[in-house]
Amino acid sequence: MPSDISDERLERVVRRAVRAELRRLAGRLFWTVVALVGIYAGFGLVALGFNAAGWSVVTTAFVVLGIALIGQGIRTLLLKW
């Protein structure tokens, strides 16, 4: 039929769509890795703060920063997926 899309044009459209999906997946995977590193570092900071000998401004800052990193990591995971 004359209204059918040619094979070459259809192939270009499919290639473009596949490339766009792969680019989006790569972005999601990148931000997932960044979020997981942040969550891991956040748990490390919280553990470091709780395992300190005494509470001071520094240990409190470690715990607060760790909780913030964990929260941002979870937020990033939820927004990207």
PDB file of N, CA and C in Angstrom:
ATOM      1  N   MET A   1       0.834  -1.181   0.000  1.00  0.00           N
ATOM      2  CA  MET A   1       0.000   0.000   0.000  1.00  0.00           C
ATOM      3  C   MET A   1       0.876   1.240   0.000  1.00  0.00           C
ATOM      4  N   PRO A   2       0.433   2.294  -0.645  1.00  0.00           N
ATOM      5  CA  PRO A   2       1.238   3.511  -0.702  1.00  0.00           C
ATOM      6  C   PRO A   2       1.351   4.226   0.640  1.00  0.00           C
ATOM      7  N   SER A   3       0.424   4.008   1.560  1.00  0.00           N
ATOM      8  CA  SER A   3       0.479   4.711   2.841  1.00  0.00           C
ATOM      9  C   SER A   3       1.376   4.012   3.859  1.00  0.00           C
ATOM     10  N   ASP A   4       1.879   2.826   3.539  1.00  0.00           N
ATOM     11  CA  ASP A   4       2.768   2.117   4.460  1.00  0.00           C
ATOM     12  C   ASP A   4       4.107   2.831   4.568  1.00  0.00           C
ATOM     13  N   ILE A   5       4.700   2.743   5.750  1.00  0.00           N
ATOM     14  CA  ILE A   5       6.015   3.346   5.977  1.00  0.00           C
ATOM     15  C   ILE A   5       7.065   2.439   5.360  1.00  0.00           C
ATOM     16  N   SER A   6       8.035   3.046   4.712  1.00  0.00           N
ATOM     17  CA  SER A   6       9.088   2.243   4.097  1.00  0.00           C
ATOM     18  C   SER A   6       9.936   1.569   5.178  1.00  0.00           C
ATOM     19  N   ASP A   7      10.567   0.466   4.800  1.00  0.00           N
ATOM     20  CA  ASP A   7      11.387  -0.285   5.756  1.00  0.00           C
ATOM     21  C   ASP A   7      12.554   0.539   6.271  1.00  0.00           C
ATOM     22  N   GLU A   8      13.169   1.335   5.411  1.00  0.00           N
ATOM     23  CA  GLU A   8      14.314   2.146   5.839  1.00  0.00           C
ATOM     24  C   GLU A   8      13.888   3.182   6.867  1.00  0.00           C
ATOM     25  N   ARG A   9      12.763   3.820   6.614  1.00  0.00           N
ATOM     26  CA  ARG A   9      12.305   4.847   7.545  1.00  0.00           C
ATOM     27  C   ARG A   9      11.903   4.209   8.879  1.00  0.00           C
ATOM     28  N   LEU A  10      11.229   3.083   8.808  1.00  0.00           N
ATOM     29  CA  LEU A  10      10.839   2.379  10.025  1.00  0.00           C
ATOM     30  C   LEU A  10      12.064   1.937  10.820  1.00  0.00           C
ATOM     31  N   GLU A  11      13.089   1.488  10.128  1.00  0.00           N
ATOM     32  CA  GLU A  11      14.322   1.068  10.797  1.00  0.00           C
ATOM     33  C   GLU A  11      14.987   2.250  11.499  1.00  0.00           C
ATOM     34  N   ARG A  12      15.004   3.415  10.859  1.00  0.00           N
ATOM     35  CA  ARG A  12      15.584   4.611  11.483  1.00  0.00           C
ATOM     36  C   ARG A  12      14.808   5.013  12.734  1.00  0.00           C
ATOM     37  N   VAL A  13      13.487   4.951  12.637  1.00  0.00           N
ATOM     38  CA  VAL A  13      12.657   5.319  13.783  1.00  0.00           C
ATOM     39  C   VAL A  13      12.890   4.356  14.947  1.00  0.00           C
ATOM     40  N   VAL A  14      12.973   3.080  14.653  1.00  0.00           N
ATOM     41  CA  VAL A  14      13.202   2.086  15.705  1.00  0.00           C
ATOM     42  C   VAL A  14      14.583   2.270  16.315  1.00  0.00           C
ATOM     43  N   ARG A  15      15.586   2.512  15.493  1.00  0.00           N
ATOM     44  CA  ARG A  15      16.945   2.739  16.026  1.00  0.00           C
ATOM     45  C   ARG A  15      16.976   3.951  16.939  1.00  0.00           C
ATOM     46  N   ARG A  16      16.314   5.022  16.522  1.00  0.00           N
ATOM     47  CA  ARG A  16      16.284   6.238  17.330  1.00  0.00           C
ATOM     48  C   ARG A  16      15.580   5.976  18.664  1.00  0.00           C
ATOM     49  N   ALA A  17      14.501   5.226  18.633  1.00  0.00           N
ATOM     50  CA  ALA A  17      13.776   4.910  19.866  1.00  0.00           C
ATOM     51  C   ALA A  17      14.612   4.029  20.793  1.00  0.00           C
ATOM     52  N   VAL A  18      15.310   3.061  20.229  1.00  0.00           N
ATOM     53  CA  VAL A  18      16.158   2.184  21.044  1.00  0.00           C
ATOM     54  C   VAL A  18      17.302   2.980  21.658  1.00  0.00           C
ATOM     55  N   ARG A  19      17.918   3.867  20.871  1.00  0.00           N
ATOM     56  CA  ARG A  19      18.998   4.709  21.412  1.00  0.00           C
ATOM     57  C   ARG A  19      18.494   5.587  22.554  1.00  0.00           C
ATOM     58  N   ALA A  20      17.310   6.161  22.392  1.00  0.00           N
ATOM     59  CA  ALA A  20      16.756   7.014  23.446  1.00  0.00           C
ATOM     60  C   ALA A  20      16.498   6.206  24.717  1.00  0.00           C
ATOM     61  N   GLU A  21      15.972   5.004  24.579  1.00  0.00           N
ATOM     62  CA  GLU A  21      15.727   4.166  25.753  1.00  0.00           C
ATOM     63  C   GLU A  21      17.030   3.749  26.430  1.00  0.00           C
ATOM     64  N   LEU A  22      18.045   3.421  25.644  1.00  0.00           N
ATOM     65  CA  LEU A  22      19.341   3.052  26.228  1.00  0.00           C
ATOM     66  C   LEU A  22      19.975   4.233  26.946  1.00  0.00           C
ATOM     67  N   ARG A  23      19.840   5.427  26.386  1.00  0.00           N
ATOM     68  CA  ARG A  23      20.372   6.627  27.026  1.00  0.00           C
ATOM     69  C   ARG A  23      19.657   6.872  28.355  1.00  0.00           C
ATOM     70  N   ARG A  24      18.340   6.693  28.360  1.00  0.00           N
ATOM     71  CA  ARG A  24      17.581   6.888  29.589  1.00  0.00           C
ATOM     72  C   ARG A  24      17.945   5.840  30.635  1.00  0.00           C
ATOM     73  N   LEU A  25      18.123   4.598  30.212  1.00  0.00           N
ATOM     74  CA  LEU A  25      18.518   3.537  31.133  1.00  0.00           C
ATOM     75  C   LEU A  25      19.904   3.799  31.711  1.00  0.00           C
ATOM     76  N   ALA A  26      20.826   4.280  30.876  1.00  0.00           N
ATOM     77  CA  ALA A  26      22.173   4.594  31.363  1.00  0.00           C
ATOM     78  C   ALA A  26      22.121   5.702  32.409  1.00  0.00           C
ATOM     79  N   GLY A  27      21.295   6.706  32.182  1.00  0.00           N
ATOM     80  CA  GLY A  27      21.140   7.773  33.169  1.00  0.00           C
ATOM     81  C   GLY A  27      20.568   7.262  34.477  1.00  0.00           C
ATOM     82  N   ARG A  28      19.569   6.398  34.375  1.00  0.00           N
ATOM     83  CA  ARG A  28      18.985   5.828  35.591  1.00  0.00           C
ATOM     84  C   ARG A  28      19.996   4.979  36.343  1.00  0.00           C
ATOM     85  N   LEU A  29      20.771   4.186  35.634  1.00  0.00           N
ATOM     86  CA  LEU A  29      21.778   3.350  36.296  1.00  0.00           C
ATOM     87  C   LEU A  29      22.857   4.198  36.950  1.00  0.00           C
ATOM     88  N   PHE A  30      23.280   5.279  36.278  1.00  0.00           N
ATOM     89  CA  PHE A  30      24.282   6.174  36.858  1.00  0.00           C
ATOM     90  C   PHE A  30      23.773   6.763  38.170  1.00  0.00           C
ATOM     91  N   TRP A  31      22.559   7.307  38.157  1.00  0.00           N
ATOM     92  CA  TRP A  31      22.036   7.927  39.370  1.00  0.00           C
ATOM     93  C   TRP A  31      21.728   6.899  40.447  1.00  0.00           C
ATOM     94  N   THR A  32      21.443   5.671  40.055  1.00  0.00           N
ATOM     95  CA  THR A  32      21.254   4.608  41.038  1.00  0.00           C
ATOM     96  C   THR A  32      22.559   4.308  41.760  1.00  0.00           C
ATOM     97  N   VAL A  33      23.646   4.242  41.009  1.00  0.00           N
ATOM     98  CA  VAL A  33      24.958   4.002  41.622  1.00  0.00           C
ATOM     99  C   VAL A  33      25.333   5.162  42.541  1.00  0.00           C
ATOM    100  N   VAL A  34      25.104   6.392  42.087  1.00  0.00           N
ATOM    101  CA  VAL A  34      25.404   7.558  42.922  1.00  0.00           C
ATOM    102  C   VAL A  34      24.574   7.521  44.207  1.00  0.00           C
ATOM    103  N   ALA A  35      23.294   7.187  44.089  1.00  0.00           N
ATOM    104  CA  ALA A  35      22.428   7.127  45.267  1.00  0.00           C
ATOM    105  C   ALA A  35      22.873   6.030  46.228  1.00  0.00           C
ATOM    106  N   LEU A  36      23.244   4.871  45.693  1.00  0.00           N
ATOM    107  CA  LEU A  36      23.687   3.779  46.564  1.00  0.00           C
ATOM    108  C   LEU A  36      24.993   4.112  47.275  1.00  0.00           C
ATOM    109  N   VAL A  37      25.895   4.801  46.595  1.00  0.00           N
ATOM    110  CA  VAL A  37      27.137   5.238  47.246  1.00  0.00           C
ATOM    111  C   VAL A  37      26.812   6.234  48.358  1.00  0.00           C
ATOM    112  N   GLY A  38      25.876   7.141  48.100  1.00  0.00           N
ATOM    113  CA  GLY A  38      25.469   8.100  49.125  1.00  0.00           C
ATOM    114  C   GLY A  38      24.831   7.426  50.327  1.00  0.00           C
ATOM    115  N   ILE A  39      23.980   6.449  50.071  1.00  0.00           N
ATOM    116  CA  ILE A  39      23.344   5.721  51.175  1.00  0.00           C
ATOM    117  C   ILE A  39      24.389   4.962  51.987  1.00  0.00           C
ATOM    118  N   TYR A  40      25.312   4.312  51.296  1.00  0.00           N
ATOM    119  CA  TYR A  40      26.375   3.571  51.983  1.00  0.00           C
ATOM    120  C   TYR A  40      27.237   4.518  52.827  1.00  0.00           C
ATOM    121  N   ALA A  41      27.614   5.664  52.251  1.00  0.00           N
ATOM    122  CA  ALA A  41      28.414   6.641  52.999  1.00  0.00           C
ATOM    123  C   ALA A  41      27.618   7.205  54.171  1.00  0.00           C
ATOM    124  N   GLY A  42      26.331   7.405  53.973  1.00  0.00           N
ATOM    125  CA  GLY A  42      25.489   7.907  55.060  1.00  0.00           C
ATOM    126  C   GLY A  42      25.430   6.943  56.229  1.00  0.00           C
ATOM    127  N   PHE A  43      25.255   5.651  55.931  1.00  0.00           N
ATOM    128  CA  PHE A  43      25.262   4.664  57.013  1.00  0.00           C
ATOM    129  C   PHE A  43      26.623   4.627  57.706  1.00  0.00           C
ATOM    130  N   GLY A  44      27.688   4.801  56.937  1.00  0.00           N
ATOM    131  CA  GLY A  44      29.021   4.836  57.539  1.00  0.00           C
ATOM    132  C   GLY A  44      29.190   6.013  58.480  1.00  0.00           C
ATOM    133  N   LEU A  45      28.702   7.186  58.063  1.00  0.00           N
ATOM    134  CA  LEU A  45      28.810   8.365  58.927  1.00  0.00           C
ATOM    135  C   LEU A  45      27.958   8.221  60.188  1.00  0.00           C
ATOM    136  N   VAL A  46      26.774   7.673  60.049  1.00  0.00           N
ATOM    137  CA  VAL A  46      25.923   7.464  61.227  1.00  0.00           C
ATOM    138  C   VAL A  46      26.590   6.478  62.182  1.00  0.00           C
ATOM    139  N   ALA A  47      27.126   5.395  61.653  1.00  0.00           N
ATOM    140  CA  ALA A  47      27.805   4.415  62.506  1.00  0.00           C
ATOM    141  C   ALA A  47      29.034   5.028  63.162  1.00  0.00           C
ATOM    142  N   LEU A  48      29.769   5.842  62.413  1.00  0.00           N
ATOM    143  CA  LEU A  48      30.949   6.505  62.971  1.00  0.00           C
ATOM    144  C   LEU A  48      30.556   7.447  64.105  1.00  0.00           C
ATOM    145  N   GLY A  49      29.462   8.165  63.916  1.00  0.00           N
ATOM    146  CA  GLY A  49      29.008   9.081  64.962  1.00  0.00           C
ATOM    147  C   GLY A  49      28.539   8.356  66.210  1.00  0.00           C
ATOM    148  N   PHE A  50      27.821   7.253  66.026  1.00  0.00           N
ATOM    149  CA  PHE A  50      27.326   6.513  67.188  1.00  0.00           C
ATOM    150  C   PHE A  50      28.425   5.743  67.906  1.00  0.00           C
ATOM    151  N   ASN A  51      29.480   5.368  67.196  1.00  0.00           N
ATOM    152  CA  ASN A  51      30.559   4.605  67.818  1.00  0.00           C
ATOM    153  C   ASN A  51      31.637   5.488  68.435  1.00  0.00           C
ATOM    154  N   ALA A  52      31.455   6.790  68.394  1.00  0.00           N
ATOM    155  CA  ALA A  52      32.448   7.696  68.971  1.00  0.00           C
ATOM    156  C   ALA A  52      32.438   7.567  70.499  1.00  0.00           C
ATOM    157  N   ALA A  53      33.571   7.939  71.096  1.00  0.00           N
ATOM    158  CA  ALA A  53      33.718   7.804  72.552  1.00  0.00           C
ATOM    159  C   ALA A  53      32.745   8.715  73.304  1.00  0.00           C
ATOM    160  N   GLY A  54      32.596   9.927  72.848  1.00  0.00           N
ATOM    161  CA  GLY A  54      31.690  10.868  73.516  1.00  0.00           C
ATOM    162  C   GLY A  54      30.989  11.737  72.489  1.00  0.00           C
ATOM    163  N   TRP A  55      29.877  12.327  72.897  1.00  0.00           N
ATOM    164  CA  TRP A  55      29.136  13.181  71.971  1.00  0.00           C
ATOM    165  C   TRP A  55      29.737  14.572  71.961  1.00  0.00           C
ATOM    166  N   SER A  56      29.984  15.064  70.784  1.00  0.00           N
ATOM    167  CA  SER A  56      30.469  16.431  70.611  1.00  0.00           C
ATOM    168  C   SER A  56      29.798  16.995  69.368  1.00  0.00           C
ATOM    169  N   VAL A  57      30.197  18.182  68.999  1.00  0.00           N
ATOM    170  CA  VAL A  57      29.637  18.817  67.804  1.00  0.00           C
ATOM    171  C   VAL A  57      29.989  18.009  66.561  1.00  0.00           C
ATOM    172  N   VAL A  58      31.187  17.460  66.529  1.00  0.00           N
ATOM    173  CA  VAL A  58      31.638  16.709  65.351  1.00  0.00           C
ATOM    174  C   VAL A  58      30.850  15.415  65.193  1.00  0.00           C
ATOM    175  N   THR A  59      30.671  14.680  66.276  1.00  0.00           N
ATOM    176  CA  THR A  59      29.926  13.424  66.161  1.00  0.00           C
ATOM    177  C   THR A  59      28.462  13.683  65.820  1.00  0.00           C
ATOM    178  N   THR A  60      27.905  14.738  66.377  1.00  0.00           N
ATOM    179  CA  THR A  60      26.532  15.107  66.032  1.00  0.00           C
ATOM    180  C   THR A  60      26.435  15.488  64.563  1.00  0.00           C
ATOM    181  N   ALA A  61      27.420  16.214  64.070  1.00  0.00           N
ATOM    182  CA  ALA A  61      27.433  16.590  62.652  1.00  0.00           C
ATOM    183  C   ALA A  61      27.551  15.355  61.757  1.00  0.00           C
ATOM    184  N   PHE A  62      28.357  14.383  62.161  1.00  0.00           N
ATOM    185  CA  PHE A  62      28.472  13.143  61.382  1.00  0.00           C
ATOM    186  C   PHE A  62      27.125  12.424  61.290  1.00  0.00           C
ATOM    187  N   VAL A  63      26.434  12.337  62.419  1.00  0.00           N
ATOM    188  CA  VAL A  63      25.141  11.646  62.425  1.00  0.00           C
ATOM    189  C   VAL A  63      24.129  12.397  61.565  1.00  0.00           C
ATOM    190  N   VAL A  64      24.079  13.706  61.705  1.00  0.00           N
ATOM    191  CA  VAL A  64      23.126  14.507  60.923  1.00  0.00           C
ATOM    192  C   VAL A  64      23.450  14.430  59.439  1.00  0.00           C
ATOM    193  N   LEU A  65      24.722  14.543  59.087  1.00  0.00           N
ATOM    194  CA  LEU A  65      25.117  14.448  57.681  1.00  0.00           C
ATOM    195  C   LEU A  65      24.828  13.056  57.124  1.00  0.00           C
ATOM    196  N   GLY A  66      25.060  12.041  57.922  1.00  0.00           N
ATOM    197  CA  GLY A  66      24.765  10.678  57.487  1.00  0.00           C
ATOM    198  C   GLY A  66      23.287  10.462  57.229  1.00  0.00           C
ATOM    199  N   ILE A  67      22.455  10.973  58.121  1.00  0.00           N
ATOM    200  CA  ILE A  67      21.006  10.849  57.927  1.00  0.00           C
ATOM    201  C   ILE A  67      20.571  11.617  56.687  1.00  0.00           C
ATOM    202  N   ALA A  68      21.157  12.789  56.464  1.00  0.00           N
ATOM    203  CA  ALA A  68      20.826  13.568  55.267  1.00  0.00           C
ATOM    204  C   ALA A  68      21.245  12.833  53.994  1.00  0.00           C
ATOM    205  N   LEU A  69      22.422  12.209  54.010  1.00  0.00           N
ATOM    206  CA  LEU A  69      22.869  11.446  52.842  1.00  0.00           C
ATOM    207  C   LEU A  69      21.962  10.249  52.564  1.00  0.00           C
ATOM    208  N   ILE A  70      21.552   9.578  53.608  1.00  0.00           N
ATOM    209  CA  ILE A  70      20.644   8.441  53.432  1.00  0.00           C
ATOM    210  C   ILE A  70      19.320   8.921  52.839  1.00  0.00           C
ATOM    211  N   GLY A  71      18.802  10.009  53.364  1.00  0.00           N
ATOM    212  CA  GLY A  71      17.545  10.559  52.853  1.00  0.00           C
ATOM    213  C   GLY A  71      17.642  10.993  51.406  1.00  0.00           C
ATOM    214  N   GLN A  72      18.728  11.667  51.052  1.00  0.00           N
ATOM    215  CA  GLN A  72      18.911  12.099  49.664  1.00  0.00           C
ATOM    216  C   GLN A  72      19.091  10.912  48.729  1.00  0.00           C
ATOM    217  N   GLY A  73      19.780   9.889  49.197  1.00  0.00           N
ATOM    218  CA  GLY A  73      19.953   8.699  48.368  1.00  0.00           C
ATOM    219  C   GLY A  73      18.636   8.005  48.085  1.00  0.00           C
ATOM    220  N   ILE A  74      17.813   7.879  49.115  1.00  0.00           N
ATOM    221  CA  ILE A  74      16.500   7.256  48.930  1.00  0.00           C
ATOM    222  C   ILE A  74      15.632   8.117  48.028  1.00  0.00           C
ATOM    223  N   ARG A  75      15.684   9.424  48.213  1.00  0.00           N
ATOM    224  CA  ARG A  75      14.904  10.343  47.366  1.00  0.00           C
ATOM    225  C   ARG A  75      15.327  10.229  45.909  1.00  0.00           C
ATOM    226  N   THR A  76      16.636  10.165  45.672  1.00  0.00           N
ATOM    227  CA  THR A  76      17.137  10.041  44.301  1.00  0.00           C
ATOM    228  C   THR A  76      16.685   8.733  43.672  1.00  0.00           C
ATOM    229  N   LEU A  77      16.746   7.652  44.425  1.00  0.00           N
ATOM    230  CA  LEU A  77      16.277   6.367  43.899  1.00  0.00           C
ATOM    231  C   LEU A  77      14.798   6.422  43.528  1.00  0.00           C
ATOM    232  N   LEU A  78      14.001   7.019  44.394  1.00  0.00           N
ATOM    233  CA  LEU A  78      12.566   7.082  44.120  1.00  0.00           C
ATOM    234  C   LEU A  78      12.253   7.977  42.926  1.00  0.00           C
ATOM    235  N   LEU A  79      12.991   9.064  42.762  1.00  0.00           N
ATOM    236  CA  LEU A  79      12.723   9.973  41.647  1.00  0.00           C
ATOM    237  C   LEU A  79      13.195   9.419  40.310  1.00  0.00           C
ATOM    238  N   LYS A  80      14.261   8.645  40.311  1.00  0.00           N
ATOM    239  CA  LYS A  80      14.798   8.149  39.041  1.00  0.00           C
ATOM    240  C   LYS A  80      14.101   6.907  38.548  1.00  0.00           C
ATOM    241  N   TRP A  81      13.534   6.116  39.441  1.00  0.00           N
ATOM    242  CA  TRP A  81      12.861   4.893  39.004  1.00  0.00           C
ATOM    243  C   TRP A  81      11.378   5.060  39.181  1.00  0.00           C
TER     244      TRP A  81
END
